[in-house]
Amino acid sequence: MAEKKQTDKYDVLRLDHQLCFPLYACAKEVVRRYKPFLDEIDLTYTQYITMMVLWEKKQVTVKELGESLFLDSGTLTPLLKKMEGKGLLTRERSKEDERVLLVTITEEGEALKEKAVNVPSQLMSCITMDPEDAAKLYELLYKALGGMA
């Protein structure tokens, strides 16, 4: 009987009992599937999601960008420098508060939007999931993100 309890105690360490593992594996696989489409427009996945925010908002602070993308400034700083070097955005201190760094899309960055417009449909052609399941998964993932303290 003691043997059984010992086994049960360690069941929590089984990979197939972990919610985090299929989330991790799925995210990694989705990003891998994006790669050939993003290579065509010379963006990494992180650069692509950064551009999505800029296409929508045109200008954001680094703090707002980090909150939107769940990235810290240590990750964003080299990313934004590289993207600025590609001519996709500019970074400049706010005139009202020089502690605030503003990120603004350039004309070149805005023009890239036309090349990127087909990327979502190209990716969805790689994922066999009906739209209702995809919508539910989206909802559940954002619910999980919102529930993290």
Protein backbone atom coordinates (compact mmCIF):
# COMPACT_ATOMS: atom_id res chain seq x y z
CA MET A 1 0.00 0.00 0.00
CA ALA A 2 2.85 2.44 0.82
CA GLU A 3 4.30 1.68 -2.64
CA LYS A 4 1.09 2.89 -4.30
CA LYS A 5 1.12 6.22 -2.42
CA GLN A 6 4.75 6.76 -3.43
CA THR A 7 3.85 6.31 -7.11
CA ASP A 8 0.83 8.67 -6.83
CA LYS A 9 2.97 11.31 -5.13
CA TYR A 10 5.29 11.48 -8.14
CA ASP A 11 2.55 11.32 -10.77
CA VAL A 12 2.46 15.11 -10.62
CA LEU A 13 5.91 15.08 -12.22
CA ARG A 14 4.81 13.16 -15.30
CA LEU A 15 5.19 15.18 -18.49
CA ASP A 16 1.74 14.11 -19.69
CA HIS A 17 0.22 15.66 -16.55
CA GLN A 18 1.66 19.12 -17.21
CA LEU A 19 -0.46 21.89 -18.76
CA CYS A 20 2.70 23.88 -19.44
CA PHE A 21 4.19 21.28 -21.78
CA PRO A 22 1.57 21.23 -24.55
CA LEU A 23 1.41 25.04 -24.34
CA TYR A 24 5.20 25.26 -24.73
CA ALA A 25 5.37 22.65 -27.51
CA CYS A 26 2.46 24.19 -29.42
CA ALA A 27 3.87 27.73 -29.17
CA LYS A 28 7.27 26.52 -30.34
CA GLU A 29 5.70 24.66 -33.28
CA VAL A 30 3.53 27.61 -34.31
CA VAL A 31 6.54 29.94 -34.32
CA ARG A 32 8.47 27.35 -36.38
CA ARG A 33 5.60 27.28 -38.90
CA TYR A 34 5.67 31.07 -39.17
CA LYS A 35 9.37 31.12 -40.05
CA PRO A 36 9.22 30.51 -43.84
CA PHE A 37 6.49 33.13 -44.26
CA LEU A 38 8.32 35.66 -42.11
CA ASP A 39 11.64 34.95 -43.84
CA GLU A 40 10.00 36.25 -47.04
CA ILE A 41 9.45 39.64 -45.38
CA ASP A 42 12.73 39.57 -43.41
CA LEU A 43 11.19 39.47 -39.93
CA THR A 44 11.58 37.19 -36.94
CA TYR A 45 8.43 36.21 -35.07
CA THR A 46 9.12 38.73 -32.29
CA GLN A 47 9.72 41.46 -34.87
CA TYR A 48 6.46 40.48 -36.59
CA ILE A 49 4.35 40.80 -33.45
CA THR A 50 6.09 44.11 -32.71
CA MET A 51 5.11 45.32 -36.17
CA MET A 52 1.52 44.18 -35.56
CA VAL A 53 1.33 46.54 -32.58
CA LEU A 54 2.88 49.38 -34.59
CA TRP A 55 0.63 48.82 -37.62
CA GLU A 56 -2.32 49.21 -35.29
CA LYS A 57 -1.14 52.02 -33.00
CA LYS A 58 1.55 53.83 -35.08
CA GLN A 59 3.34 55.04 -31.92
CA VAL A 60 3.74 53.45 -28.48
CA THR A 61 6.03 53.73 -25.50
CA VAL A 62 8.46 50.88 -24.86
CA LYS A 63 6.48 50.17 -21.68
CA GLU A 64 3.17 49.89 -23.61
CA LEU A 65 4.85 47.67 -26.21
CA GLY A 66 6.23 45.41 -23.49
CA GLU A 67 2.80 45.12 -21.88
CA SER A 68 1.14 44.30 -25.21
CA LEU A 69 3.71 41.63 -26.10
CA PHE A 70 4.48 40.29 -22.59
CA LEU A 71 8.16 41.19 -23.10
CA ASP A 72 10.55 43.04 -20.79
CA SER A 73 12.72 45.98 -21.76
CA GLY A 74 15.82 43.76 -21.73
CA THR A 75 14.31 41.78 -24.59
CA LEU A 76 12.80 44.78 -26.36
CA THR A 77 15.86 47.04 -26.43
CA PRO A 78 18.04 44.91 -28.76
CA LEU A 79 14.98 43.95 -30.82
CA LEU A 80 13.99 47.59 -31.36
CA LYS A 81 17.57 48.62 -32.16
CA LYS A 82 17.73 45.97 -34.87
CA MET A 83 14.35 46.98 -36.28
CA GLU A 84 15.40 50.64 -36.25
CA GLY A 85 18.50 49.61 -38.20
CA LYS A 86 16.20 48.02 -40.81
CA GLY A 87 14.34 51.33 -41.10
CA LEU A 88 11.03 49.95 -39.78
CA LEU A 89 10.71 52.21 -36.74
CA THR A 90 12.29 55.07 -34.87
CA ARG A 91 13.01 55.38 -31.16
CA GLU A 92 13.13 58.76 -29.47
CA ARG A 93 12.75 60.22 -26.00
CA SER A 94 9.45 61.90 -25.19
CA LYS A 95 9.69 65.68 -25.09
CA GLU A 96 7.29 65.73 -22.10
CA ASP A 97 9.21 63.11 -20.08
CA GLU A 98 12.64 62.04 -21.28
CA ARG A 99 12.43 58.85 -19.21
CA VAL A 100 9.81 57.65 -21.71
CA LEU A 101 11.05 56.11 -24.96
CA LEU A 102 8.63 56.40 -27.88
CA VAL A 103 8.59 53.87 -30.70
CA THR A 104 7.12 55.11 -33.98
CA ILE A 105 6.51 53.22 -37.21
CA THR A 106 8.26 54.60 -40.31
CA GLU A 107 6.90 54.78 -43.86
CA GLU A 108 9.03 51.72 -44.65
CA GLY A 109 7.52 49.89 -41.69
CA GLU A 110 4.03 50.88 -42.78
CA ALA A 111 4.75 49.67 -46.33
CA LEU A 112 5.76 46.25 -44.97
CA LYS A 113 2.15 45.80 -43.85
CA GLU A 114 1.15 45.10 -47.46
CA LYS A 115 3.70 42.28 -47.71
CA ALA A 116 2.61 40.83 -44.35
CA VAL A 117 -1.14 40.86 -44.93
CA ASN A 118 -1.18 37.24 -46.17
CA VAL A 119 0.94 35.79 -43.35
CA PRO A 120 -2.02 34.92 -41.05
CA SER A 121 -3.88 33.00 -43.77
CA GLN A 122 -0.65 31.26 -44.83
CA LEU A 123 -0.13 30.11 -41.26
CA MET A 124 -3.72 28.95 -40.83
CA SER A 125 -3.27 26.73 -43.88
CA CYS A 126 -0.67 24.83 -41.80
CA ILE A 127 -2.98 24.29 -38.82
CA THR A 128 -5.91 21.93 -39.11
CA MET A 129 -8.38 23.26 -36.56
CA ASP A 130 -11.93 24.34 -37.16
CA PRO A 131 -12.68 28.04 -36.54
CA GLU A 132 -14.84 27.35 -33.47
CA ASP A 133 -12.05 25.39 -31.77
CA ALA A 134 -9.54 28.09 -32.70
CA ALA A 135 -11.79 30.78 -31.19
CA LYS A 136 -12.26 28.75 -27.99
CA LEU A 137 -8.50 28.12 -27.71
CA TYR A 138 -7.84 31.84 -28.18
CA GLU A 139 -10.35 32.64 -25.43
CA LEU A 140 -8.90 30.06 -23.04
CA LEU A 141 -5.31 31.19 -23.61
CA TYR A 142 -6.16 34.81 -22.88
CA LYS A 143 -8.14 33.70 -19.84
CA ALA A 144 -5.03 31.85 -18.62
CA LEU A 145 -2.82 34.90 -19.30
CA GLY A 146 -5.23 37.13 -17.40
CA GLY A 147 -5.28 34.74 -14.45
CA MET A 148 -1.53 34.82 -13.87
CA ALA A 149 -0.56 36.84 -10.82
